[in-house]
Amino acid sequence: MKNYLVIGASSGIGNAITEQLGSEGNRVYATYNKNKLPNSSQVTYHHLDVTTDFVLHFLPERLDGIVYCPGSINLKPFTRFKGDAFLDDFKLQVLGAIKTIQLGLPALRASNHASIVLFSSVAAQYGYNFHSQVSVSKGAIEGLTKSLASEFAPNIRVNAIALSLTDTPLAAKLLSNEQKREANAQRHPLKRIGTAADIAHSTLFLLSEKSSWITGQILSVDGGMSSINM
């Protein structure tokens, strides 16, 4: 049995990852900010607001992986953003990840095959209208991923998954009717919206020893959006 920490585990991608890890017999230390889910024999939930000065008092002595899921999708013209909006996003997506990794590092070092998975976006590498706020934070995540992969090698692997639009509560406003769903599906070469399960499967691969020779990578799980021009 392995021990995993999933930050932001109560809905969407984080919840799908937590459920898959638990179903495979792992011990999952999961956090939520607003929506607490019931504990099970494999999963325990702990309240955590990553934008505060937090501690992770519930961690075991050994962690085999950390998954950091908190994110936001704020799409506006650049001129309509205030400076504080960029800072708030950065605190949630980047500083929260940094603090989590710093606090979890002693437990990760106690494992023989530890892995960290972070999340980026296709918008960090490709230009999209109204994605400036998303791109700032996710660009930082990609830089952090590569830097930590170098610093932590060979004992701790660090990778990120770069997503396109995924059907989760976070993206609800962008998928609020059939017309929006179909238009967004058609933008992807695979002609569908990604699901939380799609991302969870890729995350579990990066956490597992099946990916033991992969580190410092930004894995695109985006329906072909970043590599195919149609």
C-alpha atoms as a PDB file:
ATOM      1  CA  MET A   1       0.000   0.000   0.000  1.00  0.00           C
ATOM      2  CA  LYS A   2       1.296   3.437  -0.929  1.00  0.00           C
ATOM      3  CA  ASN A   3       0.550   6.817   0.645  1.00  0.00           C
ATOM      4  CA  TYR A   4      -0.552   9.781  -1.440  1.00  0.00           C
ATOM      5  CA  LEU A   5      -1.442  13.389  -0.720  1.00  0.00           C
ATOM      6  CA  VAL A   6      -4.043  14.945  -3.030  1.00  0.00           C
ATOM      7  CA  ILE A   7      -4.611  18.675  -2.552  1.00  0.00           C
ATOM      8  CA  GLY A   8      -8.017  19.849  -3.804  1.00  0.00           C
ATOM      9  CA  ALA A   9      -9.637  16.422  -3.771  1.00  0.00           C
ATOM     10  CA  SER A  10     -13.308  17.142  -3.207  1.00  0.00           C
ATOM     11  CA  SER A  11     -14.469  17.739  -6.788  1.00  0.00           C
ATOM     12  CA  GLY A  12     -13.549  17.462 -10.444  1.00  0.00           C
ATOM     13  CA  ILE A  13     -10.125  16.132 -11.336  1.00  0.00           C
ATOM     14  CA  GLY A  14      -8.918  15.917  -7.733  1.00  0.00           C
ATOM     15  CA  ASN A  15     -11.904  13.788  -6.769  1.00  0.00           C
ATOM     16  CA  ALA A  16     -11.437  11.451  -9.734  1.00  0.00           C
ATOM     17  CA  ILE A  17      -7.759  10.995  -8.845  1.00  0.00           C
ATOM     18  CA  THR A  18      -8.590  10.327  -5.208  1.00  0.00           C
ATOM     19  CA  GLU A  19     -11.232   7.750  -6.096  1.00  0.00           C
ATOM     20  CA  GLN A  20      -8.922   5.912  -8.486  1.00  0.00           C
ATOM     21  CA  LEU A  21      -6.054   5.861  -6.004  1.00  0.00           C
ATOM     22  CA  GLY A  22      -8.337   4.596  -3.244  1.00  0.00           C
ATOM     23  CA  SER A  23      -9.878   1.927  -5.447  1.00  0.00           C
ATOM     24  CA  GLU A  24      -6.408   0.504  -6.091  1.00  0.00           C
ATOM     25  CA  GLY A  25      -5.849   0.014  -2.362  1.00  0.00           C
ATOM     26  CA  ASN A  26      -3.710   3.076  -1.681  1.00  0.00           C
ATOM     27  CA  ARG A  27      -3.949   5.291   1.392  1.00  0.00           C
ATOM     28  CA  VAL A  28      -4.984   8.794   0.336  1.00  0.00           C
ATOM     29  CA  TYR A  29      -4.671  11.918   2.462  1.00  0.00           C
ATOM     30  CA  ALA A  30      -7.078  14.253   0.683  1.00  0.00           C
ATOM     31  CA  THR A  31      -7.846  17.925   1.270  1.00  0.00           C
ATOM     32  CA  TYR A  32     -10.874  20.083   0.607  1.00  0.00           C
ATOM     33  CA  ASN A  33     -11.650  23.759   1.037  1.00  0.00           C
ATOM     34  CA  LYS A  34     -15.455  23.928   0.824  1.00  0.00           C
ATOM     35  CA  ASN A  35     -17.062  20.577   0.072  1.00  0.00           C
ATOM     36  CA  LYS A  36     -16.111  17.811   2.501  1.00  0.00           C
ATOM     37  CA  LEU A  37     -16.706  14.245   1.400  1.00  0.00           C
ATOM     38  CA  PRO A  38     -17.116  11.275   3.757  1.00  0.00           C
ATOM     39  CA  ASN A  39     -14.000   9.416   4.835  1.00  0.00           C
ATOM     40  CA  SER A  40     -13.530   5.796   3.843  1.00  0.00           C
ATOM     41  CA  SER A  41     -11.163   3.017   4.776  1.00  0.00           C
ATOM     42  CA  GLN A  42      -8.736   4.277   2.119  1.00  0.00           C
ATOM     43  CA  VAL A  43      -9.330   8.043   2.055  1.00  0.00           C
ATOM     44  CA  THR A  44      -9.384  10.659   4.799  1.00  0.00           C
ATOM     45  CA  TYR A  45     -10.358  14.268   4.096  1.00  0.00           C
ATOM     46  CA  HIS A  46      -8.807  17.277   5.834  1.00  0.00           C
ATOM     47  CA  HIS A  47      -9.829  20.919   5.526  1.00  0.00           C
ATOM     48  CA  LEU A  48      -7.204  23.129   3.894  1.00  0.00           C
ATOM     49  CA  ASP A  49      -7.181  26.622   2.396  1.00  0.00           C
ATOM     50  CA  VAL A  50      -3.969  26.807   0.377  1.00  0.00           C
ATOM     51  CA  THR A  51      -4.117  30.613   0.197  1.00  0.00           C
ATOM     52  CA  THR A  52      -3.465  30.840   3.951  1.00  0.00           C
ATOM     53  CA  ASP A  53      -0.381  30.086   6.038  1.00  0.00           C
ATOM     54  CA  PHE A  54      -1.177  26.375   6.348  1.00  0.00           C
ATOM     55  CA  VAL A  55       0.415  23.280   7.867  1.00  0.00           C
ATOM     56  CA  LEU A  56      -0.006  19.602   6.958  1.00  0.00           C
ATOM     57  CA  HIS A  57      -0.098  18.070  10.413  1.00  0.00           C
ATOM     58  CA  PHE A  58      -1.871  14.918   9.198  1.00  0.00           C
ATOM     59  CA  LEU A  59       0.855  13.608   6.893  1.00  0.00           C
ATOM     60  CA  PRO A  60       2.340  10.148   7.456  1.00  0.00           C
ATOM     61  CA  GLU A  61       6.066   9.606   7.822  1.00  0.00           C
ATOM     62  CA  ARG A  62       6.275   8.349   4.219  1.00  0.00           C
ATOM     63  CA  LEU A  63       4.605   9.795   1.135  1.00  0.00           C
ATOM     64  CA  ASP A  64       4.860   8.114  -2.241  1.00  0.00           C
ATOM     65  CA  GLY A  65       3.312  10.978  -4.162  1.00  0.00           C
ATOM     66  CA  ILE A  66       1.788  14.448  -4.114  1.00  0.00           C
ATOM     67  CA  VAL A  67      -0.840  15.721  -6.529  1.00  0.00           C
ATOM     68  CA  TYR A  68      -1.665  19.435  -6.425  1.00  0.00           C
ATOM     69  CA  CYS A  69      -5.034  20.177  -8.061  1.00  0.00           C
ATOM     70  CA  PRO A  70      -6.280  23.671  -7.036  1.00  0.00           C
ATOM     71  CA  GLY A  71      -6.818  25.932 -10.024  1.00  0.00           C
ATOM     72  CA  SER A  72      -8.976  28.619 -11.583  1.00  0.00           C
ATOM     73  CA  ILE A  73     -10.199  29.609 -15.028  1.00  0.00           C
ATOM     74  CA  ASN A  74     -10.505  33.384 -15.257  1.00  0.00           C
ATOM     75  CA  LEU A  75     -10.868  34.497 -18.864  1.00  0.00           C
ATOM     76  CA  LYS A  76     -11.068  38.225 -19.631  1.00  0.00           C
ATOM     77  CA  PRO A  77      -9.367  40.776 -21.860  1.00  0.00           C
ATOM     78  CA  PHE A  78      -6.019  41.747 -20.353  1.00  0.00           C
ATOM     79  CA  THR A  79      -7.143  45.350 -19.813  1.00  0.00           C
ATOM     80  CA  ARG A  80      -9.969  44.231 -17.524  1.00  0.00           C
ATOM     81  CA  PHE A  81      -7.731  42.429 -15.024  1.00  0.00           C
ATOM     82  CA  LYS A  82      -6.540  44.142 -11.888  1.00  0.00           C
ATOM     83  CA  GLY A  83      -3.070  43.431 -10.545  1.00  0.00           C
ATOM     84  CA  ASP A  84      -4.504  41.704  -7.491  1.00  0.00           C
ATOM     85  CA  ALA A  85      -6.278  39.194  -9.715  1.00  0.00           C
ATOM     86  CA  PHE A  86      -2.962  37.911 -11.067  1.00  0.00           C
ATOM     87  CA  LEU A  87      -1.571  37.770  -7.538  1.00  0.00           C
ATOM     88  CA  ASP A  88      -4.576  35.853  -6.183  1.00  0.00           C
ATOM     89  CA  ASP A  89      -4.256  33.306  -8.977  1.00  0.00           C
ATOM     90  CA  PHE A  90      -0.532  32.973  -8.346  1.00  0.00           C
ATOM     91  CA  LYS A  91      -1.107  32.340  -4.634  1.00  0.00           C
ATOM     92  CA  LEU A  92      -3.656  29.629  -5.370  1.00  0.00           C
ATOM     93  CA  GLN A  93      -1.887  27.782  -8.147  1.00  0.00           C
ATOM     94  CA  VAL A  94       1.826  28.393  -7.592  1.00  0.00           C
ATOM     95  CA  LEU A  95       2.594  29.465  -4.027  1.00  0.00           C
ATOM     96  CA  GLY A  96       0.177  26.840  -2.677  1.00  0.00           C
ATOM     97  CA  ALA A  97       1.976  24.152  -4.677  1.00  0.00           C
ATOM     98  CA  ILE A  98       5.374  25.375  -3.482  1.00  0.00           C
ATOM     99  CA  LYS A  99       4.325  25.338   0.177  1.00  0.00           C
ATOM    100  CA  THR A 100       2.748  21.887  -0.173  1.00  0.00           C
ATOM    101  CA  ILE A 101       5.902  20.425  -1.692  1.00  0.00           C
ATOM    102  CA  GLN A 102       8.118  22.049   0.926  1.00  0.00           C
ATOM    103  CA  LEU A 103       6.007  20.625   3.745  1.00  0.00           C
ATOM    104  CA  GLY A 104       5.735  17.196   2.135  1.00  0.00           C
ATOM    105  CA  LEU A 105       9.396  16.870   1.139  1.00  0.00           C
ATOM    106  CA  PRO A 106      10.635  15.019   4.259  1.00  0.00           C
ATOM    107  CA  ALA A 107       7.921  12.377   3.804  1.00  0.00           C
ATOM    108  CA  LEU A 108       8.629  12.110   0.063  1.00  0.00           C
ATOM    109  CA  ARG A 109      12.310  11.523   0.781  1.00  0.00           C
ATOM    110  CA  ALA A 110      11.332   8.573   2.971  1.00  0.00           C
ATOM    111  CA  SER A 111       9.925   6.803  -0.114  1.00  0.00           C
ATOM    112  CA  ASN A 112      11.996   4.885  -2.648  1.00  0.00           C
ATOM    113  CA  HIS A 113       9.837   5.891  -5.618  1.00  0.00           C
ATOM    114  CA  ALA A 114       8.171   9.240  -4.913  1.00  0.00           C
ATOM    115  CA  SER A 115       6.423  11.287  -7.593  1.00  0.00           C
ATOM    116  CA  ILE A 116       4.927  14.780  -7.735  1.00  0.00           C
ATOM    117  CA  VAL A 117       2.268  15.721 -10.301  1.00  0.00           C
ATOM    118  CA  LEU A 118       1.266  19.336 -10.970  1.00  0.00           C
ATOM    119  CA  PHE A 119      -1.156  20.804 -13.508  1.00  0.00           C
ATOM    120  CA  SER A 120      -0.584  23.257 -16.324  1.00  0.00           C
ATOM    121  CA  SER A 121      -2.612  24.335 -19.358  1.00  0.00           C
ATOM    122  CA  VAL A 122      -2.211  24.401 -23.124  1.00  0.00           C
ATOM    123  CA  ALA A 123      -2.441  28.182 -22.694  1.00  0.00           C
ATOM    124  CA  ALA A 124       0.992  28.255 -21.033  1.00  0.00           C
ATOM    125  CA  GLN A 125       2.714  27.288 -24.284  1.00  0.00           C
ATOM    126  CA  TYR A 126       0.293  28.514 -26.950  1.00  0.00           C
ATOM    127  CA  GLY A 127      -1.323  31.899 -27.327  1.00  0.00           C
ATOM    128  CA  TYR A 128      -5.077  32.117 -26.727  1.00  0.00           C
ATOM    129  CA  ASN A 129      -7.241  35.210 -26.445  1.00  0.00           C
ATOM    130  CA  PHE A 130      -8.193  36.242 -22.901  1.00  0.00           C
ATOM    131  CA  HIS A 131      -5.885  33.665 -21.248  1.00  0.00           C
ATOM    132  CA  SER A 132      -3.246  36.014 -19.836  1.00  0.00           C
ATOM    133  CA  GLN A 133      -4.075  35.310 -16.193  1.00  0.00           C
ATOM    134  CA  VAL A 134      -4.155  31.558 -16.744  1.00  0.00           C
ATOM    135  CA  SER A 135      -0.882  31.643 -18.658  1.00  0.00           C
ATOM    136  CA  VAL A 136       1.037  33.561 -15.994  1.00  0.00           C
ATOM    137  CA  SER A 137       0.399  30.999 -13.254  1.00  0.00           C
ATOM    138  CA  LYS A 138       0.630  27.925 -15.438  1.00  0.00           C
ATOM    139  CA  GLY A 139       3.855  29.139 -17.049  1.00  0.00           C
ATOM    140  CA  ALA A 140       5.302  29.362 -13.550  1.00  0.00           C
ATOM    141  CA  ILE A 141       4.126  25.813 -12.789  1.00  0.00           C
ATOM    142  CA  GLU A 142       5.940  24.489 -15.857  1.00  0.00           C
ATOM    143  CA  GLY A 143       9.148  26.233 -14.849  1.00  0.00           C
ATOM    144  CA  LEU A 144       8.807  24.919 -11.298  1.00  0.00           C
ATOM    145  CA  THR A 145       8.243  21.391 -12.588  1.00  0.00           C
ATOM    146  CA  LYS A 146      11.450  21.316 -14.578  1.00  0.00           C
ATOM    147  CA  SER A 147      13.541  22.986 -11.896  1.00  0.00           C
ATOM    148  CA  LEU A 148      12.370  20.655  -9.115  1.00  0.00           C
ATOM    149  CA  ALA A 149      12.768  17.599 -11.350  1.00  0.00           C
ATOM    150  CA  SER A 150      16.432  18.492 -11.691  1.00  0.00           C
ATOM    151  CA  GLU A 151      16.907  19.313  -8.012  1.00  0.00           C
ATOM    152  CA  PHE A 152      15.099  16.241  -6.658  1.00  0.00           C
ATOM    153  CA  ALA A 153      16.513  13.634  -9.072  1.00  0.00           C
ATOM    154  CA  PRO A 154      17.054  10.742  -8.864  1.00  0.00           C
ATOM    155  CA  ASN A 155      14.814   9.925  -5.894  1.00  0.00           C
ATOM    156  CA  ILE A 156      11.751  12.116  -6.515  1.00  0.00           C
ATOM    157  CA  ARG A 157      10.215  12.550  -9.957  1.00  0.00           C
ATOM    158  CA  VAL A 158       8.332  15.751 -10.850  1.00  0.00           C
ATOM    159  CA  ASN A 159       6.021  16.102 -13.859  1.00  0.00           C
ATOM    160  CA  ALA A 160       3.076  18.241 -14.922  1.00  0.00           C
ATOM    161  CA  ILE A 161       0.008  17.588 -17.037  1.00  0.00           C
ATOM    162  CA  ALA A 162      -1.004  20.363 -19.431  1.00  0.00           C
ATOM    163  CA  LEU A 163      -4.758  20.286 -19.921  1.00  0.00           C
ATOM    164  CA  SER A 164      -7.184  21.654 -22.407  1.00  0.00           C
ATOM    165  CA  LEU A 165     -10.807  22.292 -21.444  1.00  0.00           C
ATOM    166  CA  THR A 166     -12.080  19.502 -19.194  1.00  0.00           C
ATOM    167  CA  ASP A 167     -15.645  18.789 -18.069  1.00  0.00           C
ATOM    168  CA  THR A 168     -15.417  19.697 -14.387  1.00  0.00           C
ATOM    169  CA  PRO A 169     -17.279  22.114 -12.083  1.00  0.00           C
ATOM    170  CA  LEU A 170     -14.429  24.597 -12.611  1.00  0.00           C
ATOM    171  CA  ALA A 171     -15.292  24.811 -16.315  1.00  0.00           C
ATOM    172  CA  ALA A 172     -19.078  24.877 -15.823  1.00  0.00           C
ATOM    173  CA  LYS A 173     -19.528  28.414 -17.169  1.00  0.00           C
ATOM    174  CA  LEU A 174     -17.742  27.475 -20.396  1.00  0.00           C
ATOM    175  CA  LEU A 175     -19.893  24.372 -20.868  1.00  0.00           C
ATOM    176  CA  SER A 176     -23.229  25.667 -19.630  1.00  0.00           C
ATOM    177  CA  ASN A 177     -25.318  24.634 -22.659  1.00  0.00           C
ATOM    178  CA  GLU A 178     -25.173  22.200 -25.568  1.00  0.00           C
ATOM    179  CA  GLN A 179     -24.086  24.867 -28.038  1.00  0.00           C
ATOM    180  CA  LYS A 180     -21.040  25.747 -25.930  1.00  0.00           C
ATOM    181  CA  ARG A 181     -20.212  22.102 -25.335  1.00  0.00           C
ATOM    182  CA  GLU A 182     -20.366  21.254 -29.024  1.00  0.00           C
ATOM    183  CA  ALA A 183     -18.370  24.328 -30.078  1.00  0.00           C
ATOM    184  CA  ASN A 184     -15.630  23.520 -27.580  1.00  0.00           C
ATOM    185  CA  ALA A 185     -15.620  19.843 -28.546  1.00  0.00           C
ATOM    186  CA  GLN A 186     -15.134  20.737 -32.207  1.00  0.00           C
ATOM    187  CA  ARG A 187     -12.053  22.831 -31.388  1.00  0.00           C
ATOM    188  CA  HIS A 188     -10.250  19.634 -30.372  1.00  0.00           C
ATOM    189  CA  PRO A 189      -8.944  17.149 -32.958  1.00  0.00           C
ATOM    190  CA  LEU A 190     -10.565  14.296 -31.010  1.00  0.00           C
ATOM    191  CA  LYS A 191     -13.896  16.181 -31.153  1.00  0.00           C
ATOM    192  CA  ARG A 192     -14.847  15.848 -27.520  1.00  0.00           C
ATOM    193  CA  ILE A 193     -14.319  17.542 -24.184  1.00  0.00           C
ATOM    194  CA  GLY A 194     -11.915  15.880 -21.786  1.00  0.00           C
ATOM    195  CA  THR A 195     -13.247  14.250 -18.627  1.00  0.00           C
ATOM    196  CA  ALA A 196     -11.924  14.160 -15.079  1.00  0.00           C
ATOM    197  CA  ALA A 197     -11.364  10.414 -15.559  1.00  0.00           C
ATOM    198  CA  ASP A 198      -9.137  11.100 -18.597  1.00  0.00           C
ATOM    199  CA  ILE A 199      -6.879  13.283 -16.482  1.00  0.00           C
ATOM    200  CA  ALA A 200      -6.966  10.920 -13.499  1.00  0.00           C
ATOM    201  CA  HIS A 201      -5.758   8.005 -15.638  1.00  0.00           C
ATOM    202  CA  SER A 202      -2.780  10.055 -16.830  1.00  0.00           C
ATOM    203  CA  THR A 203      -2.041  11.225 -13.297  1.00  0.00           C
ATOM    204  CA  LEU A 204      -1.988   7.694 -11.904  1.00  0.00           C
ATOM    205  CA  PHE A 205       0.428   6.716 -14.660  1.00  0.00           C
ATOM    206  CA  LEU A 206       2.814   9.511 -13.652  1.00  0.00           C
ATOM    207  CA  LEU A 207       2.511   8.523  -9.992  1.00  0.00           C
ATOM    208  CA  SER A 208       3.196   4.870 -10.700  1.00  0.00           C
ATOM    209  CA  GLU A 209       6.431   3.015 -11.328  1.00  0.00           C
ATOM    210  CA  LYS A 210       5.238   2.477 -14.908  1.00  0.00           C
ATOM    211  CA  SER A 211       6.571   5.996 -15.518  1.00  0.00           C
ATOM    212  CA  SER A 212       9.769   5.480 -13.511  1.00  0.00           C
ATOM    213  CA  TRP A 213      11.963   6.840 -16.329  1.00  0.00           C
ATOM    214  CA  ILE A 214       9.930  10.018 -16.804  1.00  0.00           C
ATOM    215  CA  THR A 215      10.686  13.267 -14.976  1.00  0.00           C
ATOM    216  CA  GLY A 216      10.742  16.971 -15.769  1.00  0.00           C
ATOM    217  CA  GLN A 217       8.084  16.526 -18.448  1.00  0.00           C
ATOM    218  CA  ILE A 218       4.988  18.528 -19.352  1.00  0.00           C
ATOM    219  CA  LEU A 219       2.576  15.870 -20.571  1.00  0.00           C
ATOM    220  CA  SER A 220      -0.114  17.237 -22.881  1.00  0.00           C
ATOM    221  CA  VAL A 221      -3.479  15.591 -22.202  1.00  0.00           C
ATOM    222  CA  ASP A 222      -5.619  17.821 -24.378  1.00  0.00           C
ATOM    223  CA  GLY A 223      -7.433  15.937 -27.104  1.00  0.00           C
ATOM    224  CA  GLY A 224      -4.657  16.774 -29.582  1.00  0.00           C
ATOM    225  CA  MET A 225      -5.114  20.524 -29.126  1.00  0.00           C
ATOM    226  CA  SER A 226      -1.422  21.350 -28.715  1.00  0.00           C
ATOM    227  CA  SER A 227       0.034  19.212 -31.477  1.00  0.00           C
ATOM    228  CA  ILE A 228      -2.499  18.849 -34.295  1.00  0.00           C
ATOM    229  CA  ASN A 229      -3.691  21.680 -36.524  1.00  0.00           C
ATOM    230  CA  MET A 230      -7.022  20.905 -38.197  1.00  0.00           C
END
